[in-house]
Amino acid sequence: MPYIVKVATSNNLADEVRSGDRSALARAITLVESQRPEDRDAAETLLEALLPDSGRAIRVGITGAPGVGKSTLIERLGLQLCESGQRVAVLAVDPSSTVTGGSILGDKTRMDELSRHPRAFIRPTPGGGTLGGVSNRTQEAILACEAAAHDVVLVETIGTGQSEVAVHGMVDFFLVLLSPAAGDELQGIKRGVMELADGVLIHKADGDLLPAANRTAQQCMLAMRVLHSGEHAPPPVAVGSSRTGDGLHDLWETITTAVETGRQSGAFETRRRKQALGWLDRSMRDALLDEFLCSPSVVEELAQARERVVAGEQVPTTAARHLLQRARQR
C-alpha cells in the first residue's frame, strides 16, 4: 500500500478510535502490535495522531502468582467501575504458546460478563516471551485505550517473575495480589516486586479463608514496613474478596487517593516522565536490534556464530562482540 494511502488510513482509524468505537480500537492495537515491517509507518502515524488524546486515564498494573485470582478481581472491579459510569480497558497479557505464538489462556473467556459490558474493552495479548510479563507493545496499547476515552486501564500481567517489575514502568499504581495462605511464603516472593508495589491485596479473603487472610495481611504489613523503612508510610495492605465484593470499593478508593496525592505532590508527573523516557530507551534498543538484524550478511554471520557457540568453540559474549565489530566495519 502506498505510503500516502497508509497515512490517510491511519488518520481515519485514529478518528474512529477517538469516537469510542471498540472495533476500531481492536484494529488499532492489532496494527501497533504487528511485526510486519510494512505496518510500521502506519502504526507510528496512528500513534502520533492519538498521542494528544492520551494520558488522562488511571493506569493500574495487577500482578500475582498464577491462581491468585487476578482475572476474577479485574472482572469484579471492572464491572464495579463500569456501573459507576467509567469506561474501563483491560490489557490482559497471556503466556505465549511456543508453537503458535498466540495467547494460551484467552482472558475474554475468563471475564465473560465484563467482556459484554458496553463500557468495557478487553484485549488478550500474547506475552511473546518478553521479560516483564508484558507484551512488546503494551505501552502503545495503553496509549490507544486512553485516546479511546477509557477512564481506567487495567494491565494484568502473566504472574510474579524475576523481571515482571517492568510493568511498574507503565502504570500509575502497581498492585500485588497474594493468596490468604501466603504468610509463610513471604520470604519466597521476589523482593524487587514487593519493593515496587504501591499496594498489596490479600485476595480470596472470604469464608474459612478470612482468618488466614487477616493473618497474612498482618505479616505482610510488617514486611512492607521493613522494605520501605526509609519512607514516610509503607504501601497499604488490604484484604478483599471478588466473590463477595468485600473490600473492593475500599481498594479502588485507596488507588484513586494514591494517584491524586501523587498529582498534588508532583510525584505523578515525575513518574510519568520517567516512564516516557523508559519507553524511549526500550524503543531505541528494539530499533537498533532490528536494523542490525536486517542485514543479510549479519544474519549469515549470526547463524555461523550460533553454530560455534553450540559446538562449544566460542563463548556467546565473544561471538556477540565480534558480530558488532564486523557490523561497524561495513
C-alpha atoms as a PDB file:
ATOM      1  CA  MET A   1       0.000   0.000   0.000  1.00  0.00           C
ATOM      2  CA  PRO A   2       1.468   3.425  -0.926  1.00  0.00           C
ATOM      3  CA  TYR A   3       2.715   5.497   1.998  1.00  0.00           C
ATOM      4  CA  ILE A   4       0.197   8.365   1.435  1.00  0.00           C
ATOM      5  CA  VAL A   5      -2.704   5.907   1.409  1.00  0.00           C
ATOM      6  CA  LYS A   6      -1.413   4.292   4.614  1.00  0.00           C
ATOM      7  CA  VAL A   7      -1.195   7.684   6.328  1.00  0.00           C
ATOM      8  CA  ALA A   8      -4.760   8.516   5.307  1.00  0.00           C
ATOM      9  CA  THR A   9      -5.941   5.114   6.542  1.00  0.00           C
ATOM     10  CA  SER A  10      -4.173   5.635   9.879  1.00  0.00           C
ATOM     11  CA  ASN A  11      -5.770   9.051  10.321  1.00  0.00           C
ATOM     12  CA  ASN A  12      -9.207   7.621   9.599  1.00  0.00           C
ATOM     13  CA  LEU A  13      -8.597   4.847  12.107  1.00  0.00           C
ATOM     14  CA  ALA A  14      -7.489   7.423  14.686  1.00  0.00           C
ATOM     15  CA  ASP A  15     -10.789   9.279  14.268  1.00  0.00           C
ATOM     16  CA  GLU A  16     -12.707   6.045  14.779  1.00  0.00           C
ATOM     17  CA  VAL A  17     -10.685   5.215  17.889  1.00  0.00           C
ATOM     18  CA  ARG A  18     -11.340   8.662  19.372  1.00  0.00           C
ATOM     19  CA  SER A  19     -15.066   8.177  18.759  1.00  0.00           C
ATOM     20  CA  GLY A  20     -15.024   5.201  21.135  1.00  0.00           C
ATOM     21  CA  ASP A  21     -15.528   2.503  18.502  1.00  0.00           C
ATOM     22  CA  ARG A  22     -14.388  -0.733  20.190  1.00  0.00           C
ATOM     23  CA  SER A  23     -13.849  -2.491  16.869  1.00  0.00           C
ATOM     24  CA  ALA A  24     -11.610   0.365  15.710  1.00  0.00           C
ATOM     25  CA  LEU A  25      -9.639   0.210  18.961  1.00  0.00           C
ATOM     26  CA  ALA A  26      -9.091  -3.523  18.468  1.00  0.00           C
ATOM     27  CA  ARG A  27      -7.861  -2.892  14.902  1.00  0.00           C
ATOM     28  CA  ALA A  28      -5.572  -0.103  16.138  1.00  0.00           C
ATOM     29  CA  ILE A  29      -3.926  -2.353  18.729  1.00  0.00           C
ATOM     30  CA  THR A  30      -3.555  -5.110  16.146  1.00  0.00           C
ATOM     31  CA  LEU A  31      -1.759  -2.620  13.894  1.00  0.00           C
ATOM     32  CA  VAL A  32       0.674  -1.400  16.569  1.00  0.00           C
ATOM     33  CA  GLU A  33       1.364  -4.997  17.654  1.00  0.00           C
ATOM     34  CA  SER A  34       2.103  -6.082  14.102  1.00  0.00           C
ATOM     35  CA  GLN A  35       5.619  -7.408  13.493  1.00  0.00           C
ATOM     36  CA  ARG A  36       5.409  -6.772   9.744  1.00  0.00           C
ATOM     37  CA  PRO A  37       7.806  -4.037   8.545  1.00  0.00           C
ATOM     38  CA  GLU A  38       5.193  -2.714   6.092  1.00  0.00           C
ATOM     39  CA  ASP A  39       2.876  -1.846   9.016  1.00  0.00           C
ATOM     40  CA  ARG A  40       5.467   0.127  10.963  1.00  0.00           C
ATOM     41  CA  ASP A  41       4.924   3.531   9.312  1.00  0.00           C
ATOM     42  CA  ALA A  42       1.134   3.248   9.577  1.00  0.00           C
ATOM     43  CA  ALA A  43       1.380   2.286  13.247  1.00  0.00           C
ATOM     44  CA  GLU A  44       3.665   5.219  14.043  1.00  0.00           C
ATOM     45  CA  THR A  45       1.379   7.629  12.165  1.00  0.00           C
ATOM     46  CA  LEU A  46      -1.592   6.291  14.124  1.00  0.00           C
ATOM     47  CA  LEU A  47       0.151   6.654  17.488  1.00  0.00           C
ATOM     48  CA  GLU A  48       1.289  10.201  16.688  1.00  0.00           C
ATOM     49  CA  ALA A  49      -2.316  11.105  15.837  1.00  0.00           C
ATOM     50  CA  LEU A  50      -3.623   9.578  19.081  1.00  0.00           C
ATOM     51  CA  LEU A  51      -0.904  10.974  21.361  1.00  0.00           C
ATOM     52  CA  PRO A  52      -2.622  14.346  22.141  1.00  0.00           C
ATOM     53  CA  ASP A  53      -5.708  12.476  23.392  1.00  0.00           C
ATOM     54  CA  SER A  54      -3.789  10.097  25.678  1.00  0.00           C
ATOM     55  CA  GLY A  55      -2.503  10.353  29.230  1.00  0.00           C
ATOM     56  CA  ARG A  56      -5.772  11.047  31.062  1.00  0.00           C
ATOM     57  CA  ALA A  57      -6.622   7.559  32.350  1.00  0.00           C
ATOM     58  CA  ILE A  58      -5.600   5.948  35.617  1.00  0.00           C
ATOM     59  CA  ARG A  59      -3.231   3.097  34.773  1.00  0.00           C
ATOM     60  CA  VAL A  60      -3.188   0.175  37.192  1.00  0.00           C
ATOM     61  CA  GLY A  61      -0.919  -2.855  36.924  1.00  0.00           C
ATOM     62  CA  ILE A  62      -2.102  -6.039  38.641  1.00  0.00           C
ATOM     63  CA  THR A  63       0.316  -8.877  39.272  1.00  0.00           C
ATOM     64  CA  GLY A  64       0.483 -12.010  41.355  1.00  0.00           C
ATOM     65  CA  ALA A  65       1.204 -15.709  41.163  1.00  0.00           C
ATOM     66  CA  PRO A  66      -0.952 -17.845  38.843  1.00  0.00           C
ATOM     67  CA  GLY A  67      -4.167 -18.873  40.577  1.00  0.00           C
ATOM     68  CA  VAL A  68      -4.305 -15.917  42.958  1.00  0.00           C
ATOM     69  CA  GLY A  69      -7.392 -14.584  41.157  1.00  0.00           C
ATOM     70  CA  LYS A  70      -6.134 -11.685  39.035  1.00  0.00           C
ATOM     71  CA  SER A  71      -8.736 -12.139  36.288  1.00  0.00           C
ATOM     72  CA  THR A  72     -11.550 -12.620  38.815  1.00  0.00           C
ATOM     73  CA  LEU A  73     -10.572  -9.418  40.607  1.00  0.00           C
ATOM     74  CA  ILE A  74     -10.335  -7.478  37.358  1.00  0.00           C
ATOM     75  CA  GLU A  75     -13.792  -8.618  36.251  1.00  0.00           C
ATOM     76  CA  ARG A  76     -15.452  -7.731  39.562  1.00  0.00           C
ATOM     77  CA  LEU A  77     -13.592  -4.419  39.908  1.00  0.00           C
ATOM     78  CA  GLY A  78     -14.135  -3.595  36.225  1.00  0.00           C
ATOM     79  CA  LEU A  79     -17.881  -4.192  36.497  1.00  0.00           C
ATOM     80  CA  GLN A  80     -17.989  -2.029  39.620  1.00  0.00           C
ATOM     81  CA  LEU A  81     -16.257   0.821  37.783  1.00  0.00           C
ATOM     82  CA  CYS A  82     -18.406   0.433  34.651  1.00  0.00           C
ATOM     83  CA  GLU A  83     -21.604   0.550  36.705  1.00  0.00           C
ATOM     84  CA  SER A  84     -20.361   3.789  38.286  1.00  0.00           C
ATOM     85  CA  GLY A  85     -20.179   5.341  34.800  1.00  0.00           C
ATOM     86  CA  GLN A  86     -16.496   4.884  33.996  1.00  0.00           C
ATOM     87  CA  ARG A  87     -15.077   3.299  30.858  1.00  0.00           C
ATOM     88  CA  VAL A  88     -12.601   0.502  31.550  1.00  0.00           C
ATOM     89  CA  ALA A  89      -9.966  -1.068  29.288  1.00  0.00           C
ATOM     90  CA  VAL A  90      -8.269  -4.321  30.269  1.00  0.00           C
ATOM     91  CA  LEU A  91      -4.987  -5.380  28.687  1.00  0.00           C
ATOM     92  CA  ALA A  92      -4.633  -8.981  29.787  1.00  0.00           C
ATOM     93  CA  VAL A  93      -1.243 -10.376  28.872  1.00  0.00           C
ATOM     94  CA  ASP A  94      -1.363 -14.161  28.468  1.00  0.00           C
ATOM     95  CA  PRO A  95       1.545 -16.588  28.291  1.00  0.00           C
ATOM     96  CA  SER A  96       2.501 -17.247  24.669  1.00  0.00           C
ATOM     97  CA  SER A  97       2.250 -20.619  23.024  1.00  0.00           C
ATOM     98  CA  THR A  98       5.708 -21.767  21.990  1.00  0.00           C
ATOM     99  CA  VAL A  99       4.092 -23.386  18.945  1.00  0.00           C
ATOM    100  CA  THR A 100       1.734 -20.713  17.593  1.00  0.00           C
ATOM    101  CA  GLY A 101       2.979 -17.608  19.413  1.00  0.00           C
ATOM    102  CA  GLY A 102      -0.622 -16.805  20.391  1.00  0.00           C
ATOM    103  CA  SER A 103      -2.344 -16.491  23.748  1.00  0.00           C
ATOM    104  CA  ILE A 104      -2.870 -19.734  25.659  1.00  0.00           C
ATOM    105  CA  LEU A 105      -5.495 -18.777  28.227  1.00  0.00           C
ATOM    106  CA  GLY A 106      -7.732 -16.255  26.445  1.00  0.00           C
ATOM    107  CA  ASP A 107      -8.855 -13.799  29.130  1.00  0.00           C
ATOM    108  CA  LYS A 108     -12.130 -12.947  27.411  1.00  0.00           C
ATOM    109  CA  THR A 109     -13.313 -16.433  28.349  1.00  0.00           C
ATOM    110  CA  ARG A 110     -12.303 -15.739  31.973  1.00  0.00           C
ATOM    111  CA  MET A 111     -14.035 -12.312  32.107  1.00  0.00           C
ATOM    112  CA  ASP A 112     -17.225 -13.256  30.325  1.00  0.00           C
ATOM    113  CA  GLU A 113     -19.546 -10.756  31.990  1.00  0.00           C
ATOM    114  CA  LEU A 114     -17.147  -7.818  31.785  1.00  0.00           C
ATOM    115  CA  SER A 115     -16.365  -8.531  28.118  1.00  0.00           C
ATOM    116  CA  ARG A 116     -20.059  -7.980  27.277  1.00  0.00           C
ATOM    117  CA  HIS A 117     -20.379  -4.675  29.128  1.00  0.00           C
ATOM    118  CA  PRO A 118     -20.722  -1.713  26.720  1.00  0.00           C
ATOM    119  CA  ARG A 119     -18.332   0.408  28.807  1.00  0.00           C
ATOM    120  CA  ALA A 120     -15.566  -2.216  28.868  1.00  0.00           C
ATOM    121  CA  PHE A 121     -12.889  -3.268  26.408  1.00  0.00           C
ATOM    122  CA  ILE A 122     -10.783  -6.392  26.942  1.00  0.00           C
ATOM    123  CA  ARG A 123      -7.728  -7.200  24.888  1.00  0.00           C
ATOM    124  CA  PRO A 124      -5.924 -10.508  25.485  1.00  0.00           C
ATOM    125  CA  THR A 125      -2.364 -10.166  24.226  1.00  0.00           C
ATOM    126  CA  PRO A 126       0.310 -12.866  23.941  1.00  0.00           C
ATOM    127  CA  GLY A 127       3.322 -12.047  26.085  1.00  0.00           C
ATOM    128  CA  GLY A 128       5.620 -13.151  23.295  1.00  0.00           C
ATOM    129  CA  GLY A 129       8.200 -14.439  25.749  1.00  0.00           C
ATOM    130  CA  THR A 130       9.250 -10.902  26.672  1.00  0.00           C
ATOM    131  CA  LEU A 131      10.707 -10.092  30.066  1.00  0.00           C
ATOM    132  CA  GLY A 132       8.496  -8.215  32.464  1.00  0.00           C
ATOM    133  CA  GLY A 133       5.292 -10.166  31.926  1.00  0.00           C
ATOM    134  CA  VAL A 134       4.020  -7.589  29.453  1.00  0.00           C
ATOM    135  CA  SER A 135       3.767  -7.552  25.696  1.00  0.00           C
ATOM    136  CA  ASN A 136       6.276  -5.753  23.489  1.00  0.00           C
ATOM    137  CA  ARG A 137       3.555  -3.249  22.638  1.00  0.00           C
ATOM    138  CA  THR A 138       1.680  -2.907  25.922  1.00  0.00           C
ATOM    139  CA  GLN A 139       2.662   0.759  26.279  1.00  0.00           C
ATOM    140  CA  GLU A 140       1.351   1.557  22.795  1.00  0.00           C
ATOM    141  CA  ALA A 141      -1.887  -0.305  23.587  1.00  0.00           C
ATOM    142  CA  ILE A 142      -2.309   1.796  26.748  1.00  0.00           C
ATOM    143  CA  LEU A 143      -1.955   4.959  24.656  1.00  0.00           C
ATOM    144  CA  ALA A 144      -4.637   3.758  22.218  1.00  0.00           C
ATOM    145  CA  CYS A 145      -7.042   2.843  25.034  1.00  0.00           C
ATOM    146  CA  GLU A 146      -6.620   6.274  26.615  1.00  0.00           C
ATOM    147  CA  ALA A 147      -7.247   8.006  23.287  1.00  0.00           C
ATOM    148  CA  ALA A 148     -10.469   5.967  23.039  1.00  0.00           C
ATOM    149  CA  ALA A 149     -11.641   7.820  26.170  1.00  0.00           C
ATOM    150  CA  HIS A 150     -11.235   5.000  28.672  1.00  0.00           C
ATOM    151  CA  ASP A 151     -11.023   6.361  32.197  1.00  0.00           C
ATOM    152  CA  VAL A 152      -9.190   3.351  33.639  1.00  0.00           C
ATOM    153  CA  VAL A 153      -6.664   0.986  32.045  1.00  0.00           C
ATOM    154  CA  LEU A 154      -6.023  -2.251  33.939  1.00  0.00           C
ATOM    155  CA  VAL A 155      -2.930  -4.225  32.911  1.00  0.00           C
ATOM    156  CA  GLU A 156      -2.963  -7.854  34.036  1.00  0.00           C
ATOM    157  CA  THR A 157       0.439  -9.495  33.899  1.00  0.00           C
ATOM    158  CA  ILE A 158       1.406 -13.132  33.448  1.00  0.00           C
ATOM    159  CA  GLY A 159       2.489 -13.716  37.036  1.00  0.00           C
ATOM    160  CA  THR A 160       5.161 -12.800  39.512  1.00  0.00           C
ATOM    161  CA  GLY A 161       8.543 -13.477  37.934  1.00  0.00           C
ATOM    162  CA  GLN A 162      12.136 -12.329  38.023  1.00  0.00           C
ATOM    163  CA  SER A 163      11.709  -9.413  35.638  1.00  0.00           C
ATOM    164  CA  GLU A 164       7.984  -8.732  35.958  1.00  0.00           C
ATOM    165  CA  VAL A 165       8.711  -5.413  37.636  1.00  0.00           C
ATOM    166  CA  ALA A 166       8.809  -3.963  34.103  1.00  0.00           C
ATOM    167  CA  VAL A 167       5.064  -3.377  34.404  1.00  0.00           C
ATOM    168  CA  HIS A 168       5.815  -0.837  37.137  1.00  0.00           C
ATOM    169  CA  GLY A 169       7.352   1.316  34.406  1.00  0.00           C
ATOM    170  CA  MET A 170       3.997   1.605  32.627  1.00  0.00           C
ATOM    171  CA  VAL A 171       1.390   2.237  35.319  1.00  0.00           C
ATOM    172  CA  ASP A 172       0.405   4.766  37.981  1.00  0.00           C
ATOM    173  CA  PHE A 173      -0.376   2.154  40.636  1.00  0.00           C
ATOM    174  CA  PHE A 174       1.231  -1.272  40.887  1.00  0.00           C
ATOM    175  CA  LEU A 175      -0.938  -3.756  42.821  1.00  0.00           C
ATOM    176  CA  VAL A 176       0.412  -7.103  44.033  1.00  0.00           C
ATOM    177  CA  LEU A 177      -2.067  -9.870  44.842  1.00  0.00           C
ATOM    178  CA  LEU A 178      -1.288 -12.521  47.453  1.00  0.00           C
ATOM    179  CA  SER A 179      -3.236 -15.606  48.469  1.00  0.00           C
ATOM    180  CA  PRO A 180      -4.683 -15.924  52.001  1.00  0.00           C
ATOM    181  CA  ALA A 181      -2.117 -18.576  52.900  1.00  0.00           C
ATOM    182  CA  ALA A 182       0.872 -16.592  51.628  1.00  0.00           C
ATOM    183  CA  GLY A 183       2.113 -15.659  55.095  1.00  0.00           C
ATOM    184  CA  ASP A 184       4.652 -18.462  55.197  1.00  0.00           C
ATOM    185  CA  GLU A 185       5.651 -17.737  51.611  1.00  0.00           C
ATOM    186  CA  LEU A 186       6.550 -14.063  52.000  1.00  0.00           C
ATOM    187  CA  GLN A 187      10.251 -14.906  52.119  1.00  0.00           C
ATOM    188  CA  GLY A 188       9.946 -16.578  48.722  1.00  0.00           C
ATOM    189  CA  ILE A 189       8.235 -13.659  46.997  1.00  0.00           C
ATOM    190  CA  LYS A 190      10.608 -11.677  44.808  1.00  0.00           C
ATOM    191  CA  ARG A 191      11.946  -8.764  46.839  1.00  0.00           C
ATOM    192  CA  GLY A 192      12.006  -6.479  43.802  1.00  0.00           C
ATOM    193  CA  VAL A 193       8.289  -6.956  43.191  1.00  0.00           C
ATOM    194  CA  MET A 194       7.368  -6.132  46.787  1.00  0.00           C
ATOM    195  CA  GLU A 195       9.688  -3.128  46.861  1.00  0.00           C
ATOM    196  CA  LEU A 196       7.964  -1.659  43.819  1.00  0.00           C
ATOM    197  CA  ALA A 197       4.416  -2.438  44.999  1.00  0.00           C
ATOM    198  CA  ASP A 198       2.212   0.609  45.514  1.00  0.00           C
ATOM    199  CA  GLY A 199      -0.276  -1.608  47.339  1.00  0.00           C
ATOM    200  CA  VAL A 200      -0.897  -5.236  48.285  1.00  0.00           C
ATOM    201  CA  LEU A 201      -4.223  -7.063  48.309  1.00  0.00           C
ATOM    202  CA  ILE A 202      -4.696 -10.340  50.165  1.00  0.00           C
ATOM    203  CA  HIS A 203      -7.258 -11.829  47.802  1.00  0.00           C
ATOM    204  CA  LYS A 204      -9.929 -14.526  48.293  1.00  0.00           C
ATOM    205  CA  ALA A 205     -10.471 -13.273  51.846  1.00  0.00           C
ATOM    206  CA  ASP A 206     -13.836 -14.896  52.491  1.00  0.00           C
ATOM    207  CA  GLY A 207     -15.380 -17.867  54.290  1.00  0.00           C
ATOM    208  CA  ASP A 208     -12.944 -20.166  56.025  1.00  0.00           C
ATOM    209  CA  LEU A 209     -10.012 -18.334  54.447  1.00  0.00           C
ATOM    210  CA  LEU A 210     -10.804 -14.979  56.082  1.00  0.00           C
ATOM    211  CA  PRO A 211      -8.829 -15.608  59.322  1.00  0.00           C
ATOM    212  CA  ALA A 212      -5.794 -16.775  57.301  1.00  0.00           C
ATOM    213  CA  ALA A 213      -6.110 -13.709  55.053  1.00  0.00           C
ATOM    214  CA  ASN A 214      -6.111 -11.376  58.063  1.00  0.00           C
ATOM    215  CA  ARG A 215      -3.017 -13.102  59.498  1.00  0.00           C
ATOM    216  CA  THR A 216      -1.250 -12.835  56.137  1.00  0.00           C
ATOM    217  CA  ALA A 217      -2.162  -9.142  55.924  1.00  0.00           C
ATOM    218  CA  GLN A 218      -0.567  -8.514  59.331  1.00  0.00           C
ATOM    219  CA  GLN A 219       2.600 -10.367  58.331  1.00  0.00           C
ATOM    220  CA  CYS A 220       2.732  -8.530  55.015  1.00  0.00           C
ATOM    221  CA  MET A 221       2.345  -5.157  56.739  1.00  0.00           C
ATOM    222  CA  LEU A 222       5.359  -5.929  58.900  1.00  0.00           C
ATOM    223  CA  ALA A 223       7.361  -6.996  55.852  1.00  0.00           C
ATOM    224  CA  MET A 224       6.413  -3.817  53.957  1.00  0.00           C
ATOM    225  CA  ARG A 225       7.473  -1.659  56.886  1.00  0.00           C
ATOM    226  CA  VAL A 226      10.909  -3.246  56.758  1.00  0.00           C
ATOM    227  CA  LEU A 227      11.201  -2.934  52.955  1.00  0.00           C
ATOM    228  CA  HIS A 228      10.036   0.696  52.973  1.00  0.00           C
ATOM    229  CA  SER A 229      11.592   1.784  56.267  1.00  0.00           C
ATOM    230  CA  GLY A 230      13.045   4.951  54.745  1.00  0.00           C
ATOM    231  CA  GLU A 231       9.683   6.247  53.570  1.00  0.00           C
ATOM    232  CA  HIS A 232       7.019   8.225  55.417  1.00  0.00           C
ATOM    233  CA  ALA A 233       4.483   5.408  55.121  1.00  0.00           C
ATOM    234  CA  PRO A 234       4.715   1.902  53.662  1.00  0.00           C
ATOM    235  CA  PRO A 235       2.349   0.934  50.839  1.00  0.00           C
ATOM    236  CA  PRO A 236      -1.104  -0.092  52.087  1.00  0.00           C
ATOM    237  CA  VAL A 237      -2.031  -3.743  52.610  1.00  0.00           C
ATOM    238  CA  ALA A 238      -5.702  -4.668  52.260  1.00  0.00           C
ATOM    239  CA  VAL A 239      -7.872  -7.775  52.285  1.00  0.00           C
ATOM    240  CA  GLY A 240     -10.677  -8.380  49.832  1.00  0.00           C
ATOM    241  CA  SER A 241     -12.803 -10.899  48.019  1.00  0.00           C
ATOM    242  CA  SER A 242     -14.005 -10.831  44.438  1.00  0.00           C
ATOM    243  CA  ARG A 243     -16.569 -13.482  45.304  1.00  0.00           C
ATOM    244  CA  THR A 244     -18.337 -11.352  47.910  1.00  0.00           C
ATOM    245  CA  GLY A 245     -17.142  -7.943  46.745  1.00  0.00           C
ATOM    246  CA  ASP A 246     -15.877  -7.108  50.235  1.00  0.00           C
ATOM    247  CA  GLY A 247     -13.003  -4.651  50.261  1.00  0.00           C
ATOM    248  CA  LEU A 248     -13.097  -3.793  46.544  1.00  0.00           C
ATOM    249  CA  HIS A 249     -14.699  -0.369  46.983  1.00  0.00           C
ATOM    250  CA  ASP A 250     -12.077   0.497  49.601  1.00  0.00           C
ATOM    251  CA  LEU A 251      -9.356  -0.873  47.314  1.00  0.00           C
ATOM    252  CA  TRP A 252     -10.366   1.451  44.478  1.00  0.00           C
ATOM    253  CA  GLU A 253     -10.597   4.382  46.872  1.00  0.00           C
ATOM    254  CA  THR A 254      -7.051   3.604  48.033  1.00  0.00           C
ATOM    255  CA  ILE A 255      -5.827   3.569  44.408  1.00  0.00           C
ATOM    256  CA  THR A 256      -7.511   6.845  43.427  1.00  0.00           C
ATOM    257  CA  THR A 257      -6.361   8.540  46.627  1.00  0.00           C
ATOM    258  CA  ALA A 258      -2.765   7.486  45.972  1.00  0.00           C
ATOM    259  CA  VAL A 259      -2.936   8.772  42.389  1.00  0.00           C
ATOM    260  CA  GLU A 260      -4.475  12.083  43.458  1.00  0.00           C
ATOM    261  CA  THR A 261      -1.902  12.531  46.212  1.00  0.00           C
ATOM    262  CA  GLY A 262       0.799  11.934  43.614  1.00  0.00           C
ATOM    263  CA  ARG A 263      -0.715  14.561  41.322  1.00  0.00           C
ATOM    264  CA  GLN A 264      -0.715  17.139  44.092  1.00  0.00           C
ATOM    265  CA  SER A 265       2.854  16.401  45.199  1.00  0.00           C
ATOM    266  CA  GLY A 266       4.291  16.209  41.684  1.00  0.00           C
ATOM    267  CA  ALA A 267       5.281  12.556  42.085  1.00  0.00           C
ATOM    268  CA  PHE A 268       2.694  11.531  39.491  1.00  0.00           C
ATOM    269  CA  GLU A 269       4.202  13.703  36.756  1.00  0.00           C
ATOM    270  CA  THR A 270       7.737  12.657  37.721  1.00  0.00           C
ATOM    271  CA  ARG A 271       6.742   9.003  37.415  1.00  0.00           C
ATOM    272  CA  ARG A 272       5.040   9.553  34.056  1.00  0.00           C
ATOM    273  CA  ARG A 273       8.123  11.384  32.708  1.00  0.00           C
ATOM    274  CA  LYS A 274      10.422   8.540  33.813  1.00  0.00           C
ATOM    275  CA  GLN A 275       8.088   6.042  32.150  1.00  0.00           C
ATOM    276  CA  ALA A 276       8.135   8.017  28.885  1.00  0.00           C
ATOM    277  CA  LEU A 277      11.947   8.031  28.914  1.00  0.00           C
ATOM    278  CA  GLY A 278      11.983   4.306  29.652  1.00  0.00           C
ATOM    279  CA  TRP A 279       9.667   3.751  26.691  1.00  0.00           C
ATOM    280  CA  LEU A 280      12.086   5.712  24.502  1.00  0.00           C
ATOM    281  CA  ASP A 281      15.057   3.653  25.715  1.00  0.00           C
ATOM    282  CA  ARG A 282      13.256   0.357  25.030  1.00  0.00           C
ATOM    283  CA  SER A 283      12.161   1.550  21.601  1.00  0.00           C
ATOM    284  CA  MET A 284      15.700   2.641  20.766  1.00  0.00           C
ATOM    285  CA  ARG A 285      17.136  -0.750  21.730  1.00  0.00           C
ATOM    286  CA  ASP A 286      14.479  -2.535  19.674  1.00  0.00           C
ATOM    287  CA  ALA A 287      15.098  -0.285  16.656  1.00  0.00           C
ATOM    288  CA  LEU A 288      18.860  -0.792  16.803  1.00  0.00           C
ATOM    289  CA  LEU A 289      18.452  -4.557  17.064  1.00  0.00           C
ATOM    290  CA  ASP A 290      16.003  -4.615  14.141  1.00  0.00           C
ATOM    291  CA  GLU A 291      18.359  -2.543  11.994  1.00  0.00           C
ATOM    292  CA  PHE A 292      21.302  -4.756  12.930  1.00  0.00           C
ATOM    293  CA  LEU A 293      19.455  -7.965  12.052  1.00  0.00           C
ATOM    294  CA  CYS A 294      18.010  -6.704   8.768  1.00  0.00           C
ATOM    295  CA  SER A 295      21.375  -7.096   7.044  1.00  0.00           C
ATOM    296  CA  PRO A 296      21.624 -10.421   5.134  1.00  0.00           C
ATOM    297  CA  SER A 297      25.348 -10.643   5.877  1.00  0.00           C
ATOM    298  CA  VAL A 298      24.688 -10.216   9.626  1.00  0.00           C
ATOM    299  CA  VAL A 299      22.032 -12.932   9.501  1.00  0.00           C
ATOM    300  CA  GLU A 300      24.514 -15.272   7.819  1.00  0.00           C
ATOM    301  CA  GLU A 301      27.307 -14.452  10.275  1.00  0.00           C
ATOM    302  CA  LEU A 302      24.917 -14.814  13.204  1.00  0.00           C
ATOM    303  CA  ALA A 303      23.988 -18.306  12.006  1.00  0.00           C
ATOM    304  CA  GLN A 304      27.662 -19.219  11.883  1.00  0.00           C
ATOM    305  CA  ALA A 305      28.244 -17.739  15.347  1.00  0.00           C
ATOM    306  CA  ARG A 306      25.374 -19.813  16.718  1.00  0.00           C
ATOM    307  CA  GLU A 307      26.969 -22.957  15.338  1.00  0.00           C
ATOM    308  CA  ARG A 308      30.261 -22.103  17.031  1.00  0.00           C
ATOM    309  CA  VAL A 309      28.535 -21.365  20.339  1.00  0.00           C
ATOM    310  CA  VAL A 310      26.501 -24.582  20.245  1.00  0.00           C
ATOM    311  CA  ALA A 311      29.625 -26.566  19.387  1.00  0.00           C
ATOM    312  CA  GLY A 312      31.423 -25.045  22.369  1.00  0.00           C
ATOM    313  CA  GLU A 313      34.008 -23.349  20.160  1.00  0.00           C
ATOM    314  CA  GLN A 314      33.220 -19.795  21.264  1.00  0.00           C
ATOM    315  CA  VAL A 315      31.554 -18.132  24.229  1.00  0.00           C
ATOM    316  CA  PRO A 316      28.414 -16.078  23.426  1.00  0.00           C
ATOM    317  CA  THR A 317      29.869 -12.786  24.701  1.00  0.00           C
ATOM    318  CA  THR A 318      32.857 -13.058  22.363  1.00  0.00           C
ATOM    319  CA  ALA A 319      30.646 -14.036  19.436  1.00  0.00           C
ATOM    320  CA  ALA A 320      28.357 -11.066  20.023  1.00  0.00           C
ATOM    321  CA  ARG A 321      31.280  -8.625  20.278  1.00  0.00           C
ATOM    322  CA  HIS A 322      32.805  -9.916  17.045  1.00  0.00           C
ATOM    323  CA  LEU A 323      29.465  -9.557  15.246  1.00  0.00           C
ATOM    324  CA  LEU A 324      29.189  -5.934  16.353  1.00  0.00           C
ATOM    325  CA  GLN A 325      32.773  -5.211  15.320  1.00  0.00           C
ATOM    326  CA  ARG A 326      32.123  -6.663  11.855  1.00  0.00           C
ATOM    327  CA  ALA A 327      28.949  -4.589  11.536  1.00  0.00           C
ATOM    328  CA  ARG A 328      30.809  -1.350  12.409  1.00  0.00           C
ATOM    329  CA  GLN A 329      33.417  -2.035   9.723  1.00  0.00           C
ATOM    330  CA  ARG A 330      30.821  -2.029   6.953  1.00  0.00           C
END
